[in-house]
Amino acid sequence: MEKTNMDSLVTVLAEVEKLGFQSQFEINGKNLVSLKTDKHFLSTEVKIAHYYRFEGESNPDDNSIMYAIECSDGERGTLINGYGPSASLETADFITTVENIEK
């Protein structure tokens, strides 16, 4: 793969989409939900293949983390959350229950 400057969320999102992480996910209760297929996954049914943290230079609200996720049925996509003051507690709680995390 050609070397890419991976310093922005938009750049990294485009790169992981090229690797097949095409779906977008959100957390609903205790489930990861695909916005593409409307399938629901428990934390035991997902693997975090990669994750990337971004820090805003001047605004703490720009801090975010993006997860590249593989689901048990083969669906692949991304989940984005803030960290620090802008973090979704529901998303953070879900991530802490995922046992299969790689980098």
N, C-alpha and C. Protein backbone atom coordinates (compact mmCIF):
# COMPACT_ATOMS: atom_id res chain seq x y z
N MET A 1 0.85 -1.17 0.00
CA MET A 1 0.00 0.00 0.00
C MET A 1 0.89 1.23 0.00
N GLU A 2 0.52 2.22 -0.76
CA GLU A 2 1.25 3.48 -0.84
C GLU A 2 1.18 4.21 0.49
N LYS A 3 2.28 4.84 0.89
CA LYS A 3 2.32 5.54 2.16
C LYS A 3 1.44 6.79 2.09
N THR A 4 0.58 6.95 3.11
CA THR A 4 -0.36 8.05 3.17
C THR A 4 -0.21 8.76 4.50
N ASN A 5 -0.30 10.08 4.48
CA ASN A 5 -0.27 10.86 5.71
C ASN A 5 -1.59 10.61 6.45
N MET A 6 -1.53 9.92 7.58
CA MET A 6 -2.72 9.48 8.30
C MET A 6 -3.01 10.39 9.50
N ASP A 7 -3.01 11.69 9.29
CA ASP A 7 -3.18 12.59 10.41
C ASP A 7 -4.58 13.18 10.55
N SER A 8 -5.47 12.85 9.64
CA SER A 8 -6.83 13.37 9.78
C SER A 8 -7.85 12.23 9.70
N LEU A 9 -8.96 12.41 10.36
CA LEU A 9 -10.02 11.41 10.37
C LEU A 9 -10.52 11.13 8.96
N VAL A 10 -10.69 12.15 8.16
CA VAL A 10 -11.20 11.98 6.80
C VAL A 10 -10.24 11.14 5.96
N THR A 11 -8.94 11.39 6.09
CA THR A 11 -7.94 10.63 5.34
C THR A 11 -7.94 9.17 5.74
N VAL A 12 -7.93 8.91 7.03
CA VAL A 12 -7.90 7.53 7.52
C VAL A 12 -9.19 6.80 7.15
N LEU A 13 -10.33 7.48 7.27
CA LEU A 13 -11.60 6.87 6.89
C LEU A 13 -11.57 6.44 5.43
N ALA A 14 -11.05 7.28 4.55
CA ALA A 14 -10.97 6.93 3.12
C ALA A 14 -10.06 5.73 2.92
N GLU A 15 -8.95 5.65 3.65
CA GLU A 15 -8.02 4.54 3.51
C GLU A 15 -8.63 3.22 4.00
N VAL A 16 -9.31 3.23 5.15
CA VAL A 16 -9.89 1.97 5.64
C VAL A 16 -11.08 1.54 4.79
N GLU A 17 -11.78 2.49 4.19
CA GLU A 17 -12.84 2.11 3.26
C GLU A 17 -12.27 1.37 2.06
N LYS A 18 -11.08 1.78 1.59
CA LYS A 18 -10.41 1.08 0.49
C LYS A 18 -10.05 -0.35 0.88
N LEU A 19 -9.85 -0.59 2.18
CA LEU A 19 -9.51 -1.93 2.68
C LEU A 19 -10.76 -2.79 2.92
N GLY A 20 -11.94 -2.26 2.61
CA GLY A 20 -13.17 -3.04 2.72
C GLY A 20 -14.04 -2.73 3.91
N PHE A 21 -13.69 -1.74 4.70
CA PHE A 21 -14.51 -1.36 5.86
C PHE A 21 -15.55 -0.34 5.38
N GLN A 22 -16.60 -0.84 4.71
CA GLN A 22 -17.55 0.00 3.98
C GLN A 22 -18.77 0.45 4.80
N SER A 23 -19.12 -0.28 5.84
CA SER A 23 -20.31 0.05 6.62
C SER A 23 -19.99 1.08 7.69
N GLN A 24 -21.02 1.74 8.16
CA GLN A 24 -20.89 2.61 9.32
C GLN A 24 -21.73 2.00 10.44
N PHE A 25 -21.19 2.08 11.65
CA PHE A 25 -21.86 1.50 12.81
C PHE A 25 -22.17 2.58 13.83
N GLU A 26 -23.17 2.27 14.68
CA GLU A 26 -23.45 3.07 15.86
C GLU A 26 -23.80 2.11 16.99
N ILE A 27 -23.80 2.62 18.19
CA ILE A 27 -24.16 1.81 19.35
C ILE A 27 -25.59 2.15 19.74
N ASN A 28 -26.37 1.09 19.96
CA ASN A 28 -27.75 1.25 20.42
C ASN A 28 -27.92 0.29 21.59
N GLY A 29 -27.92 0.84 22.79
CA GLY A 29 -28.00 0.00 23.98
C GLY A 29 -26.73 -0.81 24.12
N LYS A 30 -26.86 -2.12 24.12
CA LYS A 30 -25.70 -3.01 24.24
C LYS A 30 -25.31 -3.63 22.91
N ASN A 31 -25.81 -3.07 21.82
CA ASN A 31 -25.56 -3.62 20.49
C ASN A 31 -24.83 -2.64 19.59
N LEU A 32 -23.98 -3.20 18.73
CA LEU A 32 -23.42 -2.47 17.61
C LEU A 32 -24.41 -2.63 16.48
N VAL A 33 -24.81 -1.54 15.85
CA VAL A 33 -25.83 -1.59 14.80
C VAL A 33 -25.23 -1.06 13.49
N SER A 34 -25.41 -1.83 12.43
CA SER A 34 -24.97 -1.41 11.11
C SER A 34 -25.99 -0.46 10.52
N LEU A 35 -25.55 0.71 10.11
CA LEU A 35 -26.45 1.65 9.46
C LEU A 35 -26.74 1.24 8.02
N LYS A 36 -25.92 0.34 7.49
CA LYS A 36 -26.09 -0.14 6.12
C LYS A 36 -27.09 -1.28 6.04
N THR A 37 -26.99 -2.26 6.98
CA THR A 37 -27.81 -3.46 6.90
C THR A 37 -28.83 -3.57 8.03
N ASP A 38 -28.73 -2.72 9.03
CA ASP A 38 -29.58 -2.72 10.22
C ASP A 38 -29.40 -4.00 11.06
N LYS A 39 -28.29 -4.70 10.88
CA LYS A 39 -27.99 -5.86 11.71
C LYS A 39 -27.45 -5.39 13.05
N HIS A 40 -27.75 -6.19 14.09
CA HIS A 40 -27.29 -5.89 15.45
C HIS A 40 -26.27 -6.95 15.87
N PHE A 41 -25.20 -6.48 16.53
CA PHE A 41 -24.13 -7.37 16.96
C PHE A 41 -23.81 -7.13 18.43
N LEU A 42 -23.59 -8.20 19.17
CA LEU A 42 -23.10 -8.11 20.53
C LEU A 42 -21.59 -7.92 20.50
N SER A 43 -21.01 -7.50 21.60
CA SER A 43 -19.56 -7.27 21.64
C SER A 43 -18.78 -8.57 21.39
N THR A 44 -19.38 -9.70 21.69
CA THR A 44 -18.72 -10.99 21.45
C THR A 44 -18.72 -11.37 19.97
N GLU A 45 -19.47 -10.63 19.16
CA GLU A 45 -19.57 -10.93 17.73
C GLU A 45 -18.74 -9.99 16.87
N VAL A 46 -17.91 -9.16 17.50
CA VAL A 46 -17.12 -8.21 16.73
C VAL A 46 -15.64 -8.29 17.11
N LYS A 47 -14.82 -7.87 16.16
CA LYS A 47 -13.38 -7.74 16.37
C LYS A 47 -12.99 -6.34 15.94
N ILE A 48 -12.22 -5.66 16.76
CA ILE A 48 -11.68 -4.37 16.37
C ILE A 48 -10.34 -4.65 15.70
N ALA A 49 -10.31 -4.49 14.38
CA ALA A 49 -9.12 -4.81 13.59
C ALA A 49 -8.06 -3.72 13.70
N HIS A 50 -8.49 -2.47 13.78
CA HIS A 50 -7.60 -1.32 13.88
C HIS A 50 -8.32 -0.22 14.64
N TYR A 51 -7.56 0.66 15.24
CA TYR A 51 -8.16 1.88 15.80
C TYR A 51 -7.18 3.03 15.66
N TYR A 52 -7.72 4.22 15.50
CA TYR A 52 -6.92 5.42 15.25
C TYR A 52 -7.44 6.55 16.13
N ARG A 53 -6.53 7.23 16.81
CA ARG A 53 -6.90 8.37 17.65
C ARG A 53 -6.46 9.66 16.98
N PHE A 54 -7.29 10.68 17.12
CA PHE A 54 -7.00 11.99 16.54
C PHE A 54 -7.16 13.05 17.62
N GLU A 55 -6.25 13.99 17.66
CA GLU A 55 -6.32 15.06 18.64
C GLU A 55 -6.42 16.39 17.92
N GLY A 56 -7.43 17.19 18.31
CA GLY A 56 -7.58 18.52 17.75
C GLY A 56 -6.49 19.44 18.30
N GLU A 57 -5.92 20.27 17.44
CA GLU A 57 -4.83 21.13 17.87
C GLU A 57 -5.29 22.23 18.81
N SER A 58 -6.48 22.75 18.60
CA SER A 58 -6.89 23.89 19.41
C SER A 58 -8.17 23.67 20.20
N ASN A 59 -8.88 22.59 19.92
CA ASN A 59 -10.18 22.40 20.55
C ASN A 59 -10.30 20.97 21.04
N PRO A 60 -10.46 20.75 22.35
CA PRO A 60 -10.60 19.39 22.87
C PRO A 60 -11.81 18.65 22.31
N ASP A 61 -12.81 19.37 21.79
CA ASP A 61 -13.97 18.72 21.19
C ASP A 61 -13.63 18.03 19.88
N ASP A 62 -12.44 18.32 19.32
CA ASP A 62 -12.02 17.68 18.08
C ASP A 62 -11.35 16.34 18.32
N ASN A 63 -11.19 15.92 19.56
CA ASN A 63 -10.57 14.63 19.86
C ASN A 63 -11.53 13.51 19.49
N SER A 64 -11.02 12.53 18.72
CA SER A 64 -11.89 11.43 18.32
C SER A 64 -11.07 10.16 18.16
N ILE A 65 -11.80 9.06 18.10
CA ILE A 65 -11.18 7.76 17.85
C ILE A 65 -12.07 7.02 16.84
N MET A 66 -11.42 6.37 15.89
CA MET A 66 -12.16 5.61 14.89
C MET A 66 -11.75 4.15 15.00
N TYR A 67 -12.74 3.29 15.03
CA TYR A 67 -12.53 1.85 15.10
C TYR A 67 -12.88 1.22 13.76
N ALA A 68 -12.00 0.38 13.24
CA ALA A 68 -12.29 -0.44 12.06
C ALA A 68 -12.72 -1.81 12.59
N ILE A 69 -13.95 -2.18 12.30
CA ILE A 69 -14.59 -3.34 12.95
C ILE A 69 -14.95 -4.42 11.94
N GLU A 70 -14.67 -5.67 12.34
CA GLU A 70 -15.09 -6.84 11.58
C GLU A 70 -16.11 -7.60 12.40
N CYS A 71 -17.25 -7.91 11.80
CA CYS A 71 -18.32 -8.63 12.51
C CYS A 71 -18.30 -10.11 12.17
N SER A 72 -18.95 -10.89 13.01
CA SER A 72 -18.94 -12.34 12.87
C SER A 72 -19.53 -12.83 11.55
N ASP A 73 -20.38 -12.04 10.92
CA ASP A 73 -20.97 -12.44 9.64
C ASP A 73 -20.16 -11.94 8.44
N GLY A 74 -19.01 -11.28 8.72
CA GLY A 74 -18.16 -10.79 7.64
C GLY A 74 -18.33 -9.31 7.32
N GLU A 75 -19.36 -8.69 7.84
CA GLU A 75 -19.55 -7.26 7.58
C GLU A 75 -18.40 -6.48 8.23
N ARG A 76 -17.91 -5.48 7.50
CA ARG A 76 -16.80 -4.66 7.98
C ARG A 76 -17.17 -3.19 7.86
N GLY A 77 -16.79 -2.42 8.88
CA GLY A 77 -17.11 -1.00 8.83
C GLY A 77 -16.41 -0.24 9.93
N THR A 78 -16.86 0.99 10.15
CA THR A 78 -16.21 1.88 11.11
C THR A 78 -17.20 2.41 12.14
N LEU A 79 -16.65 2.69 13.30
CA LEU A 79 -17.39 3.32 14.40
C LEU A 79 -16.52 4.46 14.89
N ILE A 80 -17.10 5.64 15.00
CA ILE A 80 -16.35 6.82 15.42
C ILE A 80 -16.93 7.32 16.73
N ASN A 81 -16.03 7.68 17.65
CA ASN A 81 -16.44 8.22 18.95
C ASN A 81 -15.49 9.35 19.31
N GLY A 82 -15.98 10.28 20.08
CA GLY A 82 -15.10 11.28 20.66
C GLY A 82 -14.38 10.65 21.83
N TYR A 83 -13.36 11.32 22.33
CA TYR A 83 -12.80 10.91 23.61
C TYR A 83 -12.51 12.17 24.40
N GLY A 84 -12.43 11.97 25.68
CA GLY A 84 -12.37 13.15 26.55
C GLY A 84 -13.78 13.65 26.78
N PRO A 85 -13.96 14.96 26.83
CA PRO A 85 -15.28 15.51 27.16
C PRO A 85 -16.36 15.20 26.14
N SER A 86 -15.97 14.90 24.88
CA SER A 86 -16.99 14.68 23.85
C SER A 86 -17.31 13.20 23.63
N ALA A 87 -16.80 12.32 24.48
CA ALA A 87 -17.01 10.88 24.30
C ALA A 87 -18.45 10.47 24.60
N SER A 88 -18.95 9.53 23.83
CA SER A 88 -20.23 8.89 24.13
C SER A 88 -19.97 7.78 25.12
N LEU A 89 -20.56 7.88 26.29
CA LEU A 89 -20.36 6.85 27.31
C LEU A 89 -20.91 5.50 26.86
N GLU A 90 -22.00 5.51 26.14
CA GLU A 90 -22.58 4.27 25.64
C GLU A 90 -21.61 3.56 24.70
N THR A 91 -20.98 4.31 23.82
CA THR A 91 -20.00 3.73 22.90
C THR A 91 -18.77 3.25 23.65
N ALA A 92 -18.27 4.06 24.57
CA ALA A 92 -17.09 3.68 25.35
C ALA A 92 -17.36 2.41 26.15
N ASP A 93 -18.55 2.30 26.74
CA ASP A 93 -18.92 1.11 27.51
C ASP A 93 -18.94 -0.13 26.61
N PHE A 94 -19.48 0.00 25.40
CA PHE A 94 -19.51 -1.13 24.47
C PHE A 94 -18.09 -1.58 24.13
N ILE A 95 -17.23 -0.63 23.79
CA ILE A 95 -15.86 -0.95 23.39
C ILE A 95 -15.12 -1.68 24.50
N THR A 96 -15.36 -1.32 25.75
CA THR A 96 -14.66 -1.97 26.86
C THR A 96 -15.08 -3.43 27.01
N THR A 97 -16.21 -3.83 26.43
CA THR A 97 -16.65 -5.21 26.53
C THR A 97 -16.17 -6.06 25.34
N VAL A 98 -15.57 -5.43 24.32
CA VAL A 98 -15.03 -6.17 23.19
C VAL A 98 -13.72 -6.81 23.62
N GLU A 99 -13.64 -8.11 23.49
CA GLU A 99 -12.44 -8.83 23.91
C GLU A 99 -11.41 -8.98 22.78
N ASN A 100 -11.86 -8.96 21.55
CA ASN A 100 -10.98 -9.19 20.40
C ASN A 100 -10.57 -7.85 19.79
N ILE A 101 -9.47 -7.30 20.28
CA ILE A 101 -8.96 -6.01 19.81
C ILE A 101 -7.54 -6.18 19.32
N GLU A 102 -7.31 -5.79 18.08
CA GLU A 102 -5.97 -5.82 17.48
C GLU A 102 -5.55 -4.39 17.18
N LYS A 103 -4.35 -4.25 16.71
CA LYS A 103 -3.89 -2.94 16.26
C LYS A 103 -3.07 -3.10 15.02
